[in-house]
Amino acid sequence: MADPLLVEVSAAVLIRPDNHFLLTSRPAGKPYAGYWEFPGGKIEAGESPLQALTRELNEELGITIRQATPWLTRTFSYPHATVRLRFYRVTGWQGTLTPREQQQLAWQTTENITVAPLLPANTFILRSLRLPPLYAITRPAETDTEAALQAIETTLGKGIKLLQIRQKAMASDELKQFGRTAVQLAHHHRATVLLNENLTLAQDLQADGVHLTTNQLLSLDLRPDISWCGASCHNEQELQRAAQLGVDFVTLSPVQPTLSHPGAPTLGWEKFAGLIQDYSLPVYALGGLLPADLETARTYGAHGIAMMRGI
């Protein structure tokens, strides 16, 4: 049974080709008038979330959606109401943006938010928008250290901005030296770098975060105290635990067959989409994927794709 106290809302993250996104001010007469938010509105009886969003954007901004993919679903409690917001990434629309409710419009970037105040429910959304669409994971130590570092430099040179160092076969001293150089390379390229599993080493090397293994995710009581925290998930239980722990994003795998686990069961896109429907965290699809699979992944609700060999 639907909760009568829960307000269902669809919201749009309109994104231009230059990665600027649109924020709008709330009109006079509404709660939090003058606050800035992502455009959208209440889902009416009989409407799907996307139908509601299509109607709202036409009513508020005079545009018609041409390309939209599901993204995050977040629940937030205000003093006057609890809202469940279903966010869509809208990358294609028809018509000229027109503030039909006398609201203000502002194109923003995550690096430079120039409007205020912002609705509190949008804090996590703005942080999630900082996550790039591709997440590169280093391959286990199959070659020497110098070759592995060269592979990282090549990957970063392609414009990758999120990197996980995952070298489980390295001895601790070797991993520390390797990790230090890899972190320096990543930061030189202005990329965010996470260390797999080892929080203490990540902090020691001044990495930007840690990526939790599934076992860590299920055993921890608190989110690690570090800037960025990802986690590896494979099923609904693990996804729920990641949300409870409050990590920043997850990988969900394996979507397709992989060379590292030949013959292992895979999720496929339909099951992947079912697992993350109305999920609250950004999800990177992982397993047997290539950069060309990005748009497919987004169609099924992923934030982006993670790759080890495919990069």
C-alpha atoms as a PDB file:
ATOM      1  CA  MET A   1       0.000   0.000   0.000  1.00  0.00           C
ATOM      2  CA  ALA A   2       1.294   3.463  -0.880  1.00  0.00           C
ATOM      3  CA  ASP A   3       2.313   5.706   1.994  1.00  0.00           C
ATOM      4  CA  PRO A   4      -0.155   8.657   2.022  1.00  0.00           C
ATOM      5  CA  LEU A   5       2.458  10.849   3.735  1.00  0.00           C
ATOM      6  CA  LEU A   6       5.080  10.245   1.039  1.00  0.00           C
ATOM      7  CA  VAL A   7       5.144  12.709  -1.863  1.00  0.00           C
ATOM      8  CA  GLU A   8       6.312  11.104  -5.113  1.00  0.00           C
ATOM      9  CA  VAL A   9       8.352  13.446  -7.318  1.00  0.00           C
ATOM     10  CA  SER A  10      10.179  13.208 -10.636  1.00  0.00           C
ATOM     11  CA  ALA A  11      13.194  15.458 -11.165  1.00  0.00           C
ATOM     12  CA  ALA A  12      15.393  16.169 -14.175  1.00  0.00           C
ATOM     13  CA  VAL A  13      19.124  16.643 -14.378  1.00  0.00           C
ATOM     14  CA  LEU A  14      19.234  18.461 -17.719  1.00  0.00           C
ATOM     15  CA  ILE A  15      22.778  18.102 -19.045  1.00  0.00           C
ATOM     16  CA  ARG A  16      24.272  20.005 -21.969  1.00  0.00           C
ATOM     17  CA  PRO A  17      27.067  18.550 -24.142  1.00  0.00           C
ATOM     18  CA  ASP A  18      29.562  20.689 -22.183  1.00  0.00           C
ATOM     19  CA  ASN A  19      28.416  18.932 -18.941  1.00  0.00           C
ATOM     20  CA  HIS A  20      26.710  22.000 -17.510  1.00  0.00           C
ATOM     21  CA  PHE A  21      23.441  21.119 -15.749  1.00  0.00           C
ATOM     22  CA  LEU A  22      20.358  23.216 -15.062  1.00  0.00           C
ATOM     23  CA  LEU A  23      19.152  24.445 -11.682  1.00  0.00           C
ATOM     24  CA  THR A  24      15.965  26.464 -11.241  1.00  0.00           C
ATOM     25  CA  SER A  25      14.677  28.596  -8.378  1.00  0.00           C
ATOM     26  CA  ARG A  26      11.442  27.698  -6.629  1.00  0.00           C
ATOM     27  CA  PRO A  27       8.638  30.181  -7.400  1.00  0.00           C
ATOM     28  CA  ALA A  28       7.001  32.430  -4.857  1.00  0.00           C
ATOM     29  CA  GLY A  29       4.153  30.789  -2.960  1.00  0.00           C
ATOM     30  CA  LYS A  30       5.768  27.348  -2.749  1.00  0.00           C
ATOM     31  CA  PRO A  31       7.622  25.920   0.280  1.00  0.00           C
ATOM     32  CA  TYR A  32      11.277  26.971   0.200  1.00  0.00           C
ATOM     33  CA  ALA A  33      10.531  29.739  -2.298  1.00  0.00           C
ATOM     34  CA  GLY A  34      13.748  31.116  -3.760  1.00  0.00           C
ATOM     35  CA  TYR A  35      15.736  27.942  -3.084  1.00  0.00           C
ATOM     36  CA  TRP A  36      17.451  26.298  -6.031  1.00  0.00           C
ATOM     37  CA  GLU A  37      16.653  22.781  -7.213  1.00  0.00           C
ATOM     38  CA  PHE A  38      16.545  20.459 -10.192  1.00  0.00           C
ATOM     39  CA  PRO A  39      13.331  21.023 -12.209  1.00  0.00           C
ATOM     40  CA  GLY A  40      10.446  18.601 -11.889  1.00  0.00           C
ATOM     41  CA  GLY A  41       7.348  18.040  -9.815  1.00  0.00           C
ATOM     42  CA  LYS A  42       4.802  15.699  -8.255  1.00  0.00           C
ATOM     43  CA  ILE A  43       3.782  12.459  -9.921  1.00  0.00           C
ATOM     44  CA  GLU A  44       0.015  12.521 -10.406  1.00  0.00           C
ATOM     45  CA  ALA A  45      -2.286   9.488 -10.098  1.00  0.00           C
ATOM     46  CA  GLY A  46      -2.015   7.237 -13.124  1.00  0.00           C
ATOM     47  CA  GLU A  47       1.309   8.712 -14.301  1.00  0.00           C
ATOM     48  CA  SER A  48       4.617   6.926 -14.593  1.00  0.00           C
ATOM     49  CA  PRO A  49       7.610   8.870 -13.249  1.00  0.00           C
ATOM     50  CA  LEU A  50       8.779   9.648 -16.789  1.00  0.00           C
ATOM     51  CA  GLN A  51       5.308  10.760 -17.888  1.00  0.00           C
ATOM     52  CA  ALA A  52       5.155  13.098 -14.900  1.00  0.00           C
ATOM     53  CA  LEU A  53       8.568  14.519 -15.698  1.00  0.00           C
ATOM     54  CA  THR A  54       7.628  15.058 -19.332  1.00  0.00           C
ATOM     55  CA  ARG A  55       4.510  16.973 -18.270  1.00  0.00           C
ATOM     56  CA  GLU A  56       6.319  19.016 -15.609  1.00  0.00           C
ATOM     57  CA  LEU A  57       9.159  20.107 -17.905  1.00  0.00           C
ATOM     58  CA  ASN A  58       6.644  21.222 -20.501  1.00  0.00           C
ATOM     59  CA  GLU A  59       4.615  23.145 -17.922  1.00  0.00           C
ATOM     60  CA  GLU A  60       7.620  24.718 -16.180  1.00  0.00           C
ATOM     61  CA  LEU A  61      10.132  25.181 -18.997  1.00  0.00           C
ATOM     62  CA  GLY A  62       8.294  24.742 -22.298  1.00  0.00           C
ATOM     63  CA  ILE A  63      10.427  21.832 -23.488  1.00  0.00           C
ATOM     64  CA  THR A  64       9.725  18.260 -24.594  1.00  0.00           C
ATOM     65  CA  ILE A  65      11.999  15.423 -23.485  1.00  0.00           C
ATOM     66  CA  ARG A  66      13.726  13.558 -26.303  1.00  0.00           C
ATOM     67  CA  GLN A  67      16.352  11.568 -24.378  1.00  0.00           C
ATOM     68  CA  ALA A  68      16.122  10.603 -20.685  1.00  0.00           C
ATOM     69  CA  THR A  69      17.520   7.735 -18.641  1.00  0.00           C
ATOM     70  CA  PRO A  70      16.730   6.766 -15.014  1.00  0.00           C
ATOM     71  CA  TRP A  71      19.440   7.635 -12.522  1.00  0.00           C
ATOM     72  CA  LEU A  72      18.956   7.860  -8.717  1.00  0.00           C
ATOM     73  CA  THR A  73      15.995   7.642  -6.352  1.00  0.00           C
ATOM     74  CA  ARG A  74      16.426   9.477  -3.059  1.00  0.00           C
ATOM     75  CA  THR A  75      14.035   9.947  -0.120  1.00  0.00           C
ATOM     76  CA  PHE A  76      14.334  13.113   1.942  1.00  0.00           C
ATOM     77  CA  SER A  77      12.310  14.393   4.904  1.00  0.00           C
ATOM     78  CA  TYR A  78      11.515  18.088   5.135  1.00  0.00           C
ATOM     79  CA  PRO A  79       9.556  19.624   8.046  1.00  0.00           C
ATOM     80  CA  HIS A  80       6.477  19.889   5.815  1.00  0.00           C
ATOM     81  CA  ALA A  81       6.732  16.576   3.903  1.00  0.00           C
ATOM     82  CA  THR A  82       8.757  13.488   3.054  1.00  0.00           C
ATOM     83  CA  VAL A  83       9.527  13.278  -0.650  1.00  0.00           C
ATOM     84  CA  ARG A  84      10.789  10.456  -2.816  1.00  0.00           C
ATOM     85  CA  LEU A  85      12.618  11.952  -5.767  1.00  0.00           C
ATOM     86  CA  ARG A  86      13.229   9.933  -8.904  1.00  0.00           C
ATOM     87  CA  PHE A  87      16.004  11.613 -10.828  1.00  0.00           C
ATOM     88  CA  TYR A  88      16.456  11.242 -14.575  1.00  0.00           C
ATOM     89  CA  ARG A  89      19.430  12.296 -16.663  1.00  0.00           C
ATOM     90  CA  VAL A  90      17.939  14.328 -19.515  1.00  0.00           C
ATOM     91  CA  THR A  91      20.401  14.795 -22.365  1.00  0.00           C
ATOM     92  CA  GLY A  92      18.056  15.589 -25.231  1.00  0.00           C
ATOM     93  CA  TRP A  93      15.058  17.916 -25.452  1.00  0.00           C
ATOM     94  CA  GLN A  94      13.128  19.975 -27.971  1.00  0.00           C
ATOM     95  CA  GLY A  95      12.091  23.588 -27.554  1.00  0.00           C
ATOM     96  CA  THR A  96      13.534  26.735 -26.025  1.00  0.00           C
ATOM     97  CA  LEU A  97      13.920  26.863 -22.254  1.00  0.00           C
ATOM     98  CA  THR A  98      11.322  29.336 -21.011  1.00  0.00           C
ATOM     99  CA  PRO A  99      10.706  30.068 -17.306  1.00  0.00           C
ATOM    100  CA  ARG A 100       6.915  29.758 -17.398  1.00  0.00           C
ATOM    101  CA  GLU A 101       6.546  30.121 -13.616  1.00  0.00           C
ATOM    102  CA  GLN A 102       8.756  33.230 -13.358  1.00  0.00           C
ATOM    103  CA  GLN A 103      11.520  31.096 -11.887  1.00  0.00           C
ATOM    104  CA  GLN A 104      15.186  31.822 -12.467  1.00  0.00           C
ATOM    105  CA  LEU A 105      17.371  29.469 -14.515  1.00  0.00           C
ATOM    106  CA  ALA A 106      21.098  28.842 -14.078  1.00  0.00           C
ATOM    107  CA  TRP A 107      23.492  26.478 -15.859  1.00  0.00           C
ATOM    108  CA  GLN A 108      26.012  25.160 -13.369  1.00  0.00           C
ATOM    109  CA  THR A 109      29.040  22.881 -13.040  1.00  0.00           C
ATOM    110  CA  THR A 110      29.978  20.719 -10.070  1.00  0.00           C
ATOM    111  CA  GLU A 111      33.237  22.679  -9.716  1.00  0.00           C
ATOM    112  CA  ASN A 112      31.505  26.055  -9.550  1.00  0.00           C
ATOM    113  CA  ILE A 113      28.021  26.321  -8.024  1.00  0.00           C
ATOM    114  CA  THR A 114      27.165  30.014  -8.236  1.00  0.00           C
ATOM    115  CA  VAL A 115      23.589  30.003  -6.894  1.00  0.00           C
ATOM    116  CA  ALA A 116      22.260  29.732  -3.345  1.00  0.00           C
ATOM    117  CA  PRO A 117      20.557  28.586  -1.240  1.00  0.00           C
ATOM    118  CA  LEU A 118      20.178  25.018  -2.495  1.00  0.00           C
ATOM    119  CA  LEU A 119      17.461  22.620  -1.392  1.00  0.00           C
ATOM    120  CA  PRO A 120      19.012  20.226   1.167  1.00  0.00           C
ATOM    121  CA  ALA A 121      17.829  17.152  -0.769  1.00  0.00           C
ATOM    122  CA  ASN A 122      20.192  18.063  -3.604  1.00  0.00           C
ATOM    123  CA  THR A 123      23.472  17.815  -1.653  1.00  0.00           C
ATOM    124  CA  PHE A 124      24.019  14.139  -2.471  1.00  0.00           C
ATOM    125  CA  ILE A 125      22.902  14.639  -6.074  1.00  0.00           C
ATOM    126  CA  LEU A 126      25.476  17.366  -6.676  1.00  0.00           C
ATOM    127  CA  ARG A 127      28.190  15.175  -5.166  1.00  0.00           C
ATOM    128  CA  SER A 128      27.162  12.233  -7.340  1.00  0.00           C
ATOM    129  CA  LEU A 129      27.382  14.410 -10.457  1.00  0.00           C
ATOM    130  CA  ARG A 130      31.103  14.734  -9.748  1.00  0.00           C
ATOM    131  CA  LEU A 131      31.546  11.049 -10.526  1.00  0.00           C
ATOM    132  CA  PRO A 132      32.686  10.546 -14.134  1.00  0.00           C
ATOM    133  CA  PRO A 133      30.997   8.002 -16.432  1.00  0.00           C
ATOM    134  CA  LEU A 134      34.017   5.672 -16.711  1.00  0.00           C
ATOM    135  CA  TYR A 135      35.720   3.949 -13.772  1.00  0.00           C
ATOM    136  CA  ALA A 136      39.053   2.291 -14.587  1.00  0.00           C
ATOM    137  CA  ILE A 137      40.358  -0.592 -12.459  1.00  0.00           C
ATOM    138  CA  THR A 138      43.979  -1.673 -12.677  1.00  0.00           C
ATOM    139  CA  ARG A 139      44.550  -5.257 -13.733  1.00  0.00           C
ATOM    140  CA  PRO A 140      46.058  -7.708 -11.226  1.00  0.00           C
ATOM    141  CA  ALA A 141      49.847  -7.796 -11.411  1.00  0.00           C
ATOM    142  CA  GLU A 142      50.232  -9.714 -14.672  1.00  0.00           C
ATOM    143  CA  THR A 143      53.310  -7.742 -15.766  1.00  0.00           C
ATOM    144  CA  ASP A 144      56.172  -5.973 -14.050  1.00  0.00           C
ATOM    145  CA  THR A 145      55.659  -2.810 -12.027  1.00  0.00           C
ATOM    146  CA  GLU A 146      57.066  -0.496 -14.679  1.00  0.00           C
ATOM    147  CA  ALA A 147      54.696  -1.878 -17.324  1.00  0.00           C
ATOM    148  CA  ALA A 148      51.758  -1.606 -14.930  1.00  0.00           C
ATOM    149  CA  LEU A 149      52.537   2.048 -14.213  1.00  0.00           C
ATOM    150  CA  GLN A 150      52.864   2.719 -17.926  1.00  0.00           C
ATOM    151  CA  ALA A 151      49.424   1.193 -18.441  1.00  0.00           C
ATOM    152  CA  ILE A 152      48.022   3.529 -15.765  1.00  0.00           C
ATOM    153  CA  GLU A 153      49.639   6.558 -17.403  1.00  0.00           C
ATOM    154  CA  THR A 154      48.218   5.548 -20.768  1.00  0.00           C
ATOM    155  CA  THR A 155      44.763   5.119 -19.261  1.00  0.00           C
ATOM    156  CA  LEU A 156      44.896   8.512 -17.552  1.00  0.00           C
ATOM    157  CA  GLY A 157      46.118  10.049 -20.786  1.00  0.00           C
ATOM    158  CA  LYS A 158      42.881   8.931 -22.437  1.00  0.00           C
ATOM    159  CA  GLY A 159      40.978  11.227 -20.095  1.00  0.00           C
ATOM    160  CA  ILE A 160      39.936   8.740 -17.398  1.00  0.00           C
ATOM    161  CA  LYS A 161      39.137  10.669 -14.190  1.00  0.00           C
ATOM    162  CA  LEU A 162      38.327   7.854 -11.748  1.00  0.00           C
ATOM    163  CA  LEU A 163      40.826   5.076 -11.057  1.00  0.00           C
ATOM    164  CA  GLN A 164      40.922   2.128  -8.670  1.00  0.00           C
ATOM    165  CA  ILE A 165      44.289   0.596  -7.782  1.00  0.00           C
ATOM    166  CA  ARG A 166      43.646  -3.125  -7.403  1.00  0.00           C
ATOM    167  CA  GLN A 167      46.911  -5.080  -7.242  1.00  0.00           C
ATOM    168  CA  LYS A 168      46.139  -7.935  -4.860  1.00  0.00           C
ATOM    169  CA  ALA A 169      49.152 -10.030  -5.886  1.00  0.00           C
ATOM    170  CA  MET A 170      51.728  -7.423  -4.874  1.00  0.00           C
ATOM    171  CA  ALA A 171      53.682  -7.732  -1.645  1.00  0.00           C
ATOM    172  CA  SER A 172      52.948  -4.946   0.845  1.00  0.00           C
ATOM    173  CA  ASP A 173      56.208  -3.030   0.352  1.00  0.00           C
ATOM    174  CA  GLU A 174      55.941  -3.240  -3.409  1.00  0.00           C
ATOM    175  CA  LEU A 175      52.286  -2.170  -3.323  1.00  0.00           C
ATOM    176  CA  LYS A 176      53.139   0.834  -1.174  1.00  0.00           C
ATOM    177  CA  GLN A 177      55.753   2.081  -3.642  1.00  0.00           C
ATOM    178  CA  PHE A 178      53.571   1.240  -6.626  1.00  0.00           C
ATOM    179  CA  GLY A 179      50.566   2.934  -5.040  1.00  0.00           C
ATOM    180  CA  ARG A 180      52.509   6.077  -4.208  1.00  0.00           C
ATOM    181  CA  THR A 181      53.604   6.503  -7.810  1.00  0.00           C
ATOM    182  CA  ALA A 182      50.129   5.666  -9.135  1.00  0.00           C
ATOM    183  CA  VAL A 183      48.501   8.248  -6.851  1.00  0.00           C
ATOM    184  CA  GLN A 184      50.988  10.885  -8.013  1.00  0.00           C
ATOM    185  CA  LEU A 185      50.240  10.036 -11.642  1.00  0.00           C
ATOM    186  CA  ALA A 186      46.488  10.238 -11.059  1.00  0.00           C
ATOM    187  CA  HIS A 187      46.688  13.569  -9.296  1.00  0.00           C
ATOM    188  CA  HIS A 188      48.968  14.942 -12.031  1.00  0.00           C
ATOM    189  CA  HIS A 189      46.139  14.149 -14.457  1.00  0.00           C
ATOM    190  CA  ARG A 190      43.556  15.604 -12.032  1.00  0.00           C
ATOM    191  CA  ALA A 191      41.966  12.200 -11.575  1.00  0.00           C
ATOM    192  CA  THR A 192      40.411  10.752  -8.428  1.00  0.00           C
ATOM    193  CA  VAL A 193      42.148   7.580  -7.240  1.00  0.00           C
ATOM    194  CA  LEU A 194      40.865   4.907  -4.855  1.00  0.00           C
ATOM    195  CA  LEU A 195      42.761   2.008  -3.338  1.00  0.00           C
ATOM    196  CA  ASN A 196      41.111  -1.384  -3.258  1.00  0.00           C
ATOM    197  CA  GLU A 197      40.397  -2.670   0.278  1.00  0.00           C
ATOM    198  CA  ASN A 198      43.341  -1.124   2.154  1.00  0.00           C
ATOM    199  CA  LEU A 199      42.027   1.963   3.984  1.00  0.00           C
ATOM    200  CA  THR A 200      45.180   2.501   6.042  1.00  0.00           C
ATOM    201  CA  LEU A 201      47.396   2.492   2.949  1.00  0.00           C
ATOM    202  CA  ALA A 202      44.957   4.720   1.067  1.00  0.00           C
ATOM    203  CA  GLN A 203      45.203   7.303   3.845  1.00  0.00           C
ATOM    204  CA  ASP A 204      48.983   6.923   4.058  1.00  0.00           C
ATOM    205  CA  LEU A 205      49.383   7.479   0.307  1.00  0.00           C
ATOM    206  CA  GLN A 206      46.918  10.395   0.324  1.00  0.00           C
ATOM    207  CA  ALA A 207      44.653   8.631  -2.123  1.00  0.00           C
ATOM    208  CA  ASP A 208      41.190  10.112  -2.535  1.00  0.00           C
ATOM    209  CA  GLY A 209      39.338   7.086  -1.287  1.00  0.00           C
ATOM    210  CA  VAL A 210      38.944   3.361  -0.814  1.00  0.00           C
ATOM    211  CA  HIS A 211      36.949   0.740  -2.706  1.00  0.00           C
ATOM    212  CA  LEU A 212      35.495  -1.854  -0.339  1.00  0.00           C
ATOM    213  CA  THR A 213      35.457  -5.541  -1.143  1.00  0.00           C
ATOM    214  CA  THR A 214      32.164  -7.361  -0.666  1.00  0.00           C
ATOM    215  CA  ASN A 215      33.420  -8.940   2.562  1.00  0.00           C
ATOM    216  CA  GLN A 216      34.381  -5.530   3.939  1.00  0.00           C
ATOM    217  CA  LEU A 217      31.039  -4.082   2.949  1.00  0.00           C
ATOM    218  CA  LEU A 218      29.132  -6.781   4.835  1.00  0.00           C
ATOM    219  CA  SER A 219      31.331  -6.628   7.937  1.00  0.00           C
ATOM    220  CA  LEU A 220      31.735  -2.884   8.520  1.00  0.00           C
ATOM    221  CA  ASP A 221      29.421  -0.967  10.852  1.00  0.00           C
ATOM    222  CA  LEU A 222      30.493   2.520   9.730  1.00  0.00           C
ATOM    223  CA  ARG A 223      31.500   4.077   6.460  1.00  0.00           C
ATOM    224  CA  PRO A 224      35.286   4.557   6.329  1.00  0.00           C
ATOM    225  CA  ASP A 225      36.371   8.091   7.171  1.00  0.00           C
ATOM    226  CA  ILE A 226      37.776   9.068   3.785  1.00  0.00           C
ATOM    227  CA  SER A 227      36.647  11.410   1.028  1.00  0.00           C
ATOM    228  CA  TRP A 228      35.379   8.840  -1.496  1.00  0.00           C
ATOM    229  CA  CYS A 229      34.166   5.321  -0.787  1.00  0.00           C
ATOM    230  CA  GLY A 230      32.999   2.764  -3.337  1.00  0.00           C
ATOM    231  CA  ALA A 231      31.930  -0.844  -2.813  1.00  0.00           C
ATOM    232  CA  SER A 232      31.653  -4.057  -4.831  1.00  0.00           C
ATOM    233  CA  CYS A 233      28.166  -5.562  -5.058  1.00  0.00           C
ATOM    234  CA  HIS A 234      26.679  -8.585  -6.797  1.00  0.00           C
ATOM    235  CA  ASN A 235      23.148  -8.932  -5.415  1.00  0.00           C
ATOM    236  CA  GLU A 236      20.271  -7.153  -3.685  1.00  0.00           C
ATOM    237  CA  GLN A 237      21.547  -7.792  -0.147  1.00  0.00           C
ATOM    238  CA  GLU A 238      24.890  -6.178  -0.905  1.00  0.00           C
ATOM    239  CA  LEU A 239      23.259  -3.217  -2.649  1.00  0.00           C
ATOM    240  CA  GLN A 240      21.055  -2.616   0.381  1.00  0.00           C
ATOM    241  CA  ARG A 241      24.038  -2.826   2.735  1.00  0.00           C
ATOM    242  CA  ALA A 242      25.971  -0.294   0.644  1.00  0.00           C
ATOM    243  CA  ALA A 243      23.067   2.133   0.853  1.00  0.00           C
ATOM    244  CA  GLN A 244      22.789   1.621   4.621  1.00  0.00           C
ATOM    245  CA  LEU A 245      26.510   2.177   5.086  1.00  0.00           C
ATOM    246  CA  GLY A 246      26.339   5.390   3.062  1.00  0.00           C
ATOM    247  CA  VAL A 247      29.069   4.755   0.511  1.00  0.00           C
ATOM    248  CA  ASP A 248      29.300   7.124  -2.447  1.00  0.00           C
ATOM    249  CA  PHE A 249      28.814   4.589  -5.247  1.00  0.00           C
ATOM    250  CA  VAL A 250      28.918   0.890  -6.049  1.00  0.00           C
ATOM    251  CA  THR A 251      29.935  -1.451  -8.818  1.00  0.00           C
ATOM    252  CA  LEU A 252      27.459  -4.201  -9.718  1.00  0.00           C
ATOM    253  CA  SER A 253      28.793  -7.276 -11.465  1.00  0.00           C
ATOM    254  CA  PRO A 254      29.170  -9.359 -13.497  1.00  0.00           C
ATOM    255  CA  VAL A 255      26.921  -7.943 -16.198  1.00  0.00           C
ATOM    256  CA  GLN A 256      28.507  -9.874 -19.076  1.00  0.00           C
ATOM    257  CA  PRO A 257      30.941 -12.824 -19.283  1.00  0.00           C
ATOM    258  CA  THR A 258      34.523 -11.974 -18.304  1.00  0.00           C
ATOM    259  CA  LEU A 259      37.942 -13.431 -19.084  1.00  0.00           C
ATOM    260  CA  SER A 260      38.788 -13.612 -15.377  1.00  0.00           C
ATOM    261  CA  HIS A 261      35.728 -15.779 -14.534  1.00  0.00           C
ATOM    262  CA  PRO A 262      34.918 -17.855 -17.637  1.00  0.00           C
ATOM    263  CA  GLY A 263      31.632 -19.713 -17.393  1.00  0.00           C
ATOM    264  CA  ALA A 264      30.469 -17.851 -14.283  1.00  0.00           C
ATOM    265  CA  PRO A 265      26.793 -16.808 -14.113  1.00  0.00           C
ATOM    266  CA  THR A 266      26.123 -13.255 -15.273  1.00  0.00           C
ATOM    267  CA  LEU A 267      23.384 -10.751 -14.499  1.00  0.00           C
ATOM    268  CA  GLY A 268      22.560  -9.555 -17.991  1.00  0.00           C
ATOM    269  CA  TRP A 269      21.064  -6.121 -18.529  1.00  0.00           C
ATOM    270  CA  GLU A 270      17.475  -6.937 -17.543  1.00  0.00           C
ATOM    271  CA  LYS A 271      18.421  -8.357 -14.127  1.00  0.00           C
ATOM    272  CA  PHE A 272      20.929  -5.530 -13.648  1.00  0.00           C
ATOM    273  CA  ALA A 273      18.150  -2.998 -14.226  1.00  0.00           C
ATOM    274  CA  GLY A 274      15.798  -4.819 -11.881  1.00  0.00           C
ATOM    275  CA  LEU A 275      18.334  -4.838  -9.054  1.00  0.00           C
ATOM    276  CA  ILE A 276      18.975  -1.092  -9.233  1.00  0.00           C
ATOM    277  CA  GLN A 277      15.449   0.125  -9.938  1.00  0.00           C
ATOM    278  CA  ASP A 278      14.752   3.027  -7.559  1.00  0.00           C
ATOM    279  CA  TYR A 279      18.216   2.613  -6.033  1.00  0.00           C
ATOM    280  CA  SER A 280      19.704   5.512  -4.090  1.00  0.00           C
ATOM    281  CA  LEU A 281      23.407   5.307  -5.063  1.00  0.00           C
ATOM    282  CA  PRO A 282      25.234   5.731  -8.380  1.00  0.00           C
ATOM    283  CA  VAL A 283      25.954   2.314  -9.883  1.00  0.00           C
ATOM    284  CA  TYR A 284      28.781   1.392 -12.235  1.00  0.00           C
ATOM    285  CA  ALA A 285      28.034  -1.656 -14.369  1.00  0.00           C
ATOM    286  CA  LEU A 286      31.038  -4.012 -14.325  1.00  0.00           C
ATOM    287  CA  GLY A 287      31.995  -7.168 -16.176  1.00  0.00           C
ATOM    288  CA  GLY A 288      32.883  -7.712 -19.806  1.00  0.00           C
ATOM    289  CA  LEU A 289      32.096  -4.151 -20.868  1.00  0.00           C
ATOM    290  CA  LEU A 290      33.687  -1.676 -23.279  1.00  0.00           C
ATOM    291  CA  PRO A 291      33.390   2.126 -23.522  1.00  0.00           C
ATOM    292  CA  ALA A 292      30.888   1.599 -26.355  1.00  0.00           C
ATOM    293  CA  ASP A 293      28.522   0.023 -23.786  1.00  0.00           C
ATOM    294  CA  LEU A 294      28.130   3.256 -21.806  1.00  0.00           C
ATOM    295  CA  GLU A 295      24.859   4.422 -23.353  1.00  0.00           C
ATOM    296  CA  THR A 296      23.353   0.944 -23.027  1.00  0.00           C
ATOM    297  CA  ALA A 297      24.332   0.886 -19.350  1.00  0.00           C
ATOM    298  CA  ARG A 298      22.707   4.265 -18.773  1.00  0.00           C
ATOM    299  CA  THR A 299      19.534   3.126 -20.497  1.00  0.00           C
ATOM    300  CA  TYR A 300      19.293   0.416 -17.844  1.00  0.00           C
ATOM    301  CA  GLY A 301      19.844   2.867 -14.977  1.00  0.00           C
ATOM    302  CA  ALA A 302      23.618   2.794 -14.487  1.00  0.00           C
ATOM    303  CA  HIS A 303      25.602   5.907 -13.683  1.00  0.00           C
ATOM    304  CA  GLY A 304      28.419   4.576 -15.851  1.00  0.00           C
ATOM    305  CA  ILE A 305      30.613   1.556 -16.510  1.00  0.00           C
ATOM    306  CA  ALA A 306      33.689   0.165 -14.743  1.00  0.00           C
ATOM    307  CA  MET A 307      36.353  -1.654 -16.731  1.00  0.00           C
ATOM    308  CA  MET A 308      39.545  -3.551 -16.142  1.00  0.00           C
ATOM    309  CA  ARG A 309      40.590  -4.835 -19.558  1.00  0.00           C
ATOM    310  CA  GLY A 310      38.045  -2.913 -21.618  1.00  0.00           C
ATOM    311  CA  ILE A 311      39.599   0.476 -21.007  1.00  0.00           C
END
